């Protein structure tokens, strides 16, 4: 592991550790100070660690703090055998 990767990892872990003990909550929407959800935890932690999210990450609706990670995959790689789920 390079020293740059170690530094990034350390910054992420330190920022995440500062959020230890903040309760998980969806409703009312979390404020990032007294409550968190998973996406807000990731976003705030990476922001504090000065790590940019990839351009393919966008805010989901209707929750303003939710993140969606989009990874383009060939159609046959993301469908599972026997799945009733059909992608649009």
N, C-alpha and C. Protein backbone atom coordinates (compact mmCIF):
# COMPACT_ATOMS: atom_id res chain seq x y z
N UNK A 1 0.85 -1.17 0.00
CA UNK A 1 0.00 0.00 0.00
C UNK A 1 0.90 1.23 0.00
N UNK A 2 0.56 2.18 -0.87
CA UNK A 2 1.37 3.40 -0.94
C UNK A 2 1.07 4.31 0.24
N UNK A 3 1.97 5.24 0.47
CA UNK A 3 1.76 6.16 1.59
C UNK A 3 0.55 7.06 1.35
N UNK A 4 0.26 7.37 0.08
CA UNK A 4 -0.93 8.18 -0.23
C UNK A 4 -2.20 7.41 0.13
N UNK A 5 -2.25 6.12 -0.21
CA UNK A 5 -3.42 5.30 0.13
C UNK A 5 -3.56 5.16 1.63
N UNK A 6 -2.45 4.98 2.32
CA UNK A 6 -2.48 4.87 3.78
C UNK A 6 -3.00 6.17 4.39
N UNK A 7 -2.56 7.29 3.87
CA UNK A 7 -3.00 8.58 4.37
C UNK A 7 -4.51 8.76 4.15
N UNK A 8 -4.99 8.40 2.97
CA UNK A 8 -6.43 8.50 2.68
C UNK A 8 -7.21 7.58 3.61
N UNK A 9 -6.74 6.36 3.75
CA UNK A 9 -7.40 5.39 4.63
C UNK A 9 -7.46 5.91 6.06
N UNK A 10 -6.34 6.42 6.54
CA UNK A 10 -6.29 6.95 7.90
C UNK A 10 -7.24 8.12 8.09
N UNK A 11 -7.30 9.02 7.11
CA UNK A 11 -8.23 10.16 7.20
C UNK A 11 -9.68 9.68 7.23
N UNK A 12 -10.01 8.69 6.42
CA UNK A 12 -11.37 8.16 6.41
C UNK A 12 -11.70 7.52 7.75
N UNK A 13 -10.79 6.69 8.26
CA UNK A 13 -11.04 6.01 9.54
C UNK A 13 -11.17 6.99 10.69
N UNK A 14 -10.34 8.03 10.69
CA UNK A 14 -10.42 9.04 11.75
C UNK A 14 -11.74 9.81 11.68
N UNK A 15 -12.16 10.18 10.47
CA UNK A 15 -13.42 10.90 10.31
C UNK A 15 -14.59 10.01 10.70
N UNK A 16 -14.54 8.74 10.33
CA UNK A 16 -15.61 7.80 10.68
C UNK A 16 -15.68 7.60 12.19
N UNK A 17 -14.53 7.50 12.84
CA UNK A 17 -14.49 7.29 14.29
C UNK A 17 -15.12 8.45 15.05
N UNK A 18 -15.02 9.66 14.51
CA UNK A 18 -15.62 10.82 15.16
C UNK A 18 -17.15 10.76 15.14
N UNK A 19 -17.72 9.92 14.30
CA UNK A 19 -19.18 9.78 14.23
C UNK A 19 -19.69 8.60 15.07
N UNK A 20 -18.79 7.91 15.74
CA UNK A 20 -19.18 6.78 16.57
C UNK A 20 -20.17 7.25 17.65
N UNK A 21 -21.24 6.51 17.79
CA UNK A 21 -22.23 6.83 18.81
C UNK A 21 -23.38 7.69 18.33
N UNK A 22 -23.28 8.26 17.12
CA UNK A 22 -24.40 9.04 16.59
C UNK A 22 -25.48 8.05 16.14
N UNK A 23 -26.70 8.18 16.66
CA UNK A 23 -27.76 7.22 16.34
C UNK A 23 -28.15 7.22 14.87
N UNK A 24 -28.52 6.02 14.39
CA UNK A 24 -29.05 5.84 13.04
C UNK A 24 -30.52 6.21 13.04
N UNK A 25 -30.94 6.98 12.06
CA UNK A 25 -32.35 7.36 11.98
C UNK A 25 -32.68 7.74 10.54
N UNK A 26 -33.88 7.32 10.10
CA UNK A 26 -34.36 7.72 8.78
C UNK A 26 -35.44 8.79 8.86
N UNK A 27 -36.28 8.69 9.89
CA UNK A 27 -37.41 9.61 9.96
C UNK A 27 -37.53 10.20 11.35
N UNK A 28 -37.46 11.47 11.55
CA UNK A 28 -37.28 12.48 10.51
C UNK A 28 -35.90 12.35 9.88
N UNK A 29 -35.73 12.95 8.69
CA UNK A 29 -34.43 12.83 8.01
C UNK A 29 -33.28 13.22 8.94
N UNK A 30 -32.18 12.48 8.86
CA UNK A 30 -31.04 12.74 9.74
C UNK A 30 -30.41 14.10 9.44
N UNK A 31 -29.86 14.71 10.49
CA UNK A 31 -29.24 16.03 10.32
C UNK A 31 -27.71 15.96 10.24
N UNK A 32 -27.14 14.78 10.47
CA UNK A 32 -25.69 14.63 10.40
C UNK A 32 -24.96 15.02 11.67
N UNK A 33 -25.67 15.58 12.63
CA UNK A 33 -25.06 15.97 13.90
C UNK A 33 -25.57 15.09 15.02
N UNK A 34 -26.89 15.01 15.13
CA UNK A 34 -27.49 14.20 16.20
C UNK A 34 -27.98 12.85 15.69
N UNK A 35 -28.18 12.71 14.39
CA UNK A 35 -28.61 11.45 13.78
C UNK A 35 -27.97 11.31 12.40
N UNK A 36 -27.82 10.05 11.97
CA UNK A 36 -27.24 9.74 10.65
C UNK A 36 -28.00 8.60 10.00
N UNK A 37 -27.96 8.53 8.67
CA UNK A 37 -28.30 7.30 7.97
C UNK A 37 -27.02 6.86 7.25
N UNK A 38 -27.06 5.73 6.58
CA UNK A 38 -25.84 5.17 5.98
C UNK A 38 -25.22 6.10 4.94
N UNK A 39 -26.05 6.62 4.04
CA UNK A 39 -25.52 7.46 2.98
C UNK A 39 -24.94 8.76 3.52
N UNK A 40 -25.62 9.36 4.48
CA UNK A 40 -25.11 10.60 5.06
C UNK A 40 -23.81 10.34 5.81
N UNK A 41 -23.71 9.20 6.47
CA UNK A 41 -22.47 8.82 7.15
C UNK A 41 -21.32 8.77 6.14
N UNK A 42 -21.53 8.10 5.02
CA UNK A 42 -20.49 7.99 3.99
C UNK A 42 -20.14 9.36 3.43
N UNK A 43 -21.15 10.14 3.06
CA UNK A 43 -20.91 11.45 2.46
C UNK A 43 -20.14 12.38 3.41
N UNK A 44 -20.60 12.49 4.64
CA UNK A 44 -19.94 13.39 5.59
C UNK A 44 -18.52 12.92 5.93
N UNK A 45 -18.36 11.61 6.07
CA UNK A 45 -17.04 11.05 6.38
C UNK A 45 -16.05 11.33 5.26
N UNK A 46 -16.45 11.08 4.02
CA UNK A 46 -15.55 11.33 2.89
C UNK A 46 -15.30 12.82 2.71
N UNK A 47 -16.33 13.65 2.91
CA UNK A 47 -16.12 15.11 2.83
C UNK A 47 -15.08 15.56 3.85
N UNK A 48 -15.23 15.09 5.09
CA UNK A 48 -14.30 15.48 6.14
C UNK A 48 -12.89 14.98 5.87
N UNK A 49 -12.79 13.80 5.24
CA UNK A 49 -11.47 13.24 4.90
C UNK A 49 -10.90 13.82 3.62
N UNK A 50 -11.64 14.75 3.01
CA UNK A 50 -11.23 15.40 1.76
C UNK A 50 -11.04 14.40 0.63
N UNK A 51 -11.99 13.46 0.56
CA UNK A 51 -12.01 12.45 -0.50
C UNK A 51 -13.24 12.72 -1.35
N UNK A 52 -13.04 12.95 -2.64
CA UNK A 52 -14.16 13.22 -3.54
C UNK A 52 -14.88 11.94 -3.92
N UNK A 53 -16.20 12.01 -3.96
CA UNK A 53 -16.98 10.89 -4.46
C UNK A 53 -16.85 10.82 -5.98
N UNK A 54 -16.91 9.62 -6.55
CA UNK A 54 -16.83 9.51 -8.02
C UNK A 54 -17.98 10.27 -8.69
N UNK A 55 -17.77 10.68 -9.91
CA UNK A 55 -18.78 11.43 -10.65
C UNK A 55 -20.06 10.62 -10.86
N UNK A 56 -19.98 9.30 -10.78
CA UNK A 56 -21.17 8.46 -10.99
C UNK A 56 -22.06 8.37 -9.76
N UNK A 57 -21.66 9.01 -8.66
CA UNK A 57 -22.47 9.01 -7.44
C UNK A 57 -23.36 10.24 -7.48
N UNK A 58 -24.64 9.99 -7.25
CA UNK A 58 -25.57 11.12 -7.24
C UNK A 58 -26.49 10.99 -6.05
N UNK A 59 -27.15 12.09 -5.71
CA UNK A 59 -28.10 12.09 -4.61
C UNK A 59 -29.39 11.43 -5.07
N UNK A 60 -29.91 10.55 -4.25
CA UNK A 60 -31.15 9.85 -4.58
C UNK A 60 -32.34 10.71 -4.19
N UNK A 61 -33.48 10.35 -4.69
CA UNK A 61 -34.72 11.01 -4.32
C UNK A 61 -35.58 9.97 -3.61
N UNK A 62 -36.44 10.31 -2.69
CA UNK A 62 -36.73 11.66 -2.26
C UNK A 62 -35.86 12.13 -1.10
N UNK A 63 -35.04 11.26 -0.53
CA UNK A 63 -34.21 11.65 0.61
C UNK A 63 -33.00 12.43 0.09
N UNK A 64 -32.83 13.67 0.50
CA UNK A 64 -31.77 14.50 -0.06
C UNK A 64 -30.36 14.03 0.29
N UNK A 65 -30.16 13.22 1.31
CA UNK A 65 -28.82 12.80 1.69
C UNK A 65 -28.46 11.41 1.22
N UNK A 66 -29.35 10.73 0.52
CA UNK A 66 -29.09 9.37 0.06
C UNK A 66 -28.18 9.40 -1.16
N UNK A 67 -27.32 8.41 -1.25
CA UNK A 67 -26.39 8.30 -2.37
C UNK A 67 -26.74 7.09 -3.22
N UNK A 68 -26.56 7.23 -4.52
CA UNK A 68 -26.70 6.11 -5.44
C UNK A 68 -25.37 5.97 -6.17
N UNK A 69 -24.79 4.77 -6.11
CA UNK A 69 -23.55 4.49 -6.83
C UNK A 69 -23.93 3.75 -8.10
N UNK A 70 -23.65 4.37 -9.24
CA UNK A 70 -23.98 3.75 -10.52
C UNK A 70 -22.72 3.21 -11.15
N UNK A 71 -22.76 1.93 -11.47
CA UNK A 71 -21.65 1.29 -12.14
C UNK A 71 -22.19 0.64 -13.40
N UNK A 72 -21.77 1.11 -14.56
CA UNK A 72 -22.27 0.49 -15.79
C UNK A 72 -21.81 -0.96 -15.90
N UNK A 73 -22.75 -1.86 -16.06
CA UNK A 73 -22.44 -3.28 -16.23
C UNK A 73 -23.16 -3.80 -17.46
N UNK A 74 -22.55 -4.75 -18.16
CA UNK A 74 -23.29 -5.40 -19.25
C UNK A 74 -24.55 -6.05 -18.68
N UNK A 75 -25.61 -6.08 -19.47
CA UNK A 75 -26.90 -6.58 -19.01
C UNK A 75 -26.79 -7.95 -18.36
N UNK A 76 -26.07 -8.88 -18.95
CA UNK A 76 -26.02 -10.24 -18.42
C UNK A 76 -25.21 -10.37 -17.14
N UNK A 77 -24.44 -9.36 -16.75
CA UNK A 77 -23.65 -9.43 -15.53
C UNK A 77 -24.41 -8.99 -14.29
N UNK A 78 -25.47 -8.20 -14.44
CA UNK A 78 -26.19 -7.75 -13.26
C UNK A 78 -27.55 -8.41 -13.08
N UNK A 79 -27.91 -9.32 -13.96
CA UNK A 79 -29.13 -10.09 -13.77
C UNK A 79 -28.74 -11.45 -13.23
N UNK A 80 -29.43 -11.88 -12.20
CA UNK A 80 -29.15 -13.17 -11.61
C UNK A 80 -30.12 -14.21 -12.13
N UNK A 81 -29.66 -15.42 -12.27
CA UNK A 81 -30.49 -16.52 -12.72
C UNK A 81 -31.68 -16.69 -11.78
N UNK A 82 -32.87 -16.76 -12.37
CA UNK A 82 -34.05 -16.97 -11.57
C UNK A 82 -34.60 -15.71 -10.94
N UNK A 83 -34.03 -14.56 -11.23
CA UNK A 83 -34.51 -13.31 -10.64
C UNK A 83 -35.77 -12.85 -11.34
N UNK A 84 -36.73 -12.37 -10.57
CA UNK A 84 -37.95 -11.81 -11.15
C UNK A 84 -37.79 -10.33 -11.41
N UNK A 85 -36.62 -9.79 -11.04
CA UNK A 85 -36.34 -8.37 -11.20
C UNK A 85 -35.97 -8.10 -12.65
N UNK A 86 -36.63 -7.15 -13.28
CA UNK A 86 -36.31 -6.76 -14.64
C UNK A 86 -35.82 -5.33 -14.64
N UNK A 87 -34.67 -5.07 -15.21
CA UNK A 87 -34.15 -3.71 -15.28
C UNK A 87 -34.82 -2.97 -16.42
N UNK A 88 -35.07 -1.71 -16.19
CA UNK A 88 -35.68 -0.86 -17.23
C UNK A 88 -34.62 -0.32 -18.15
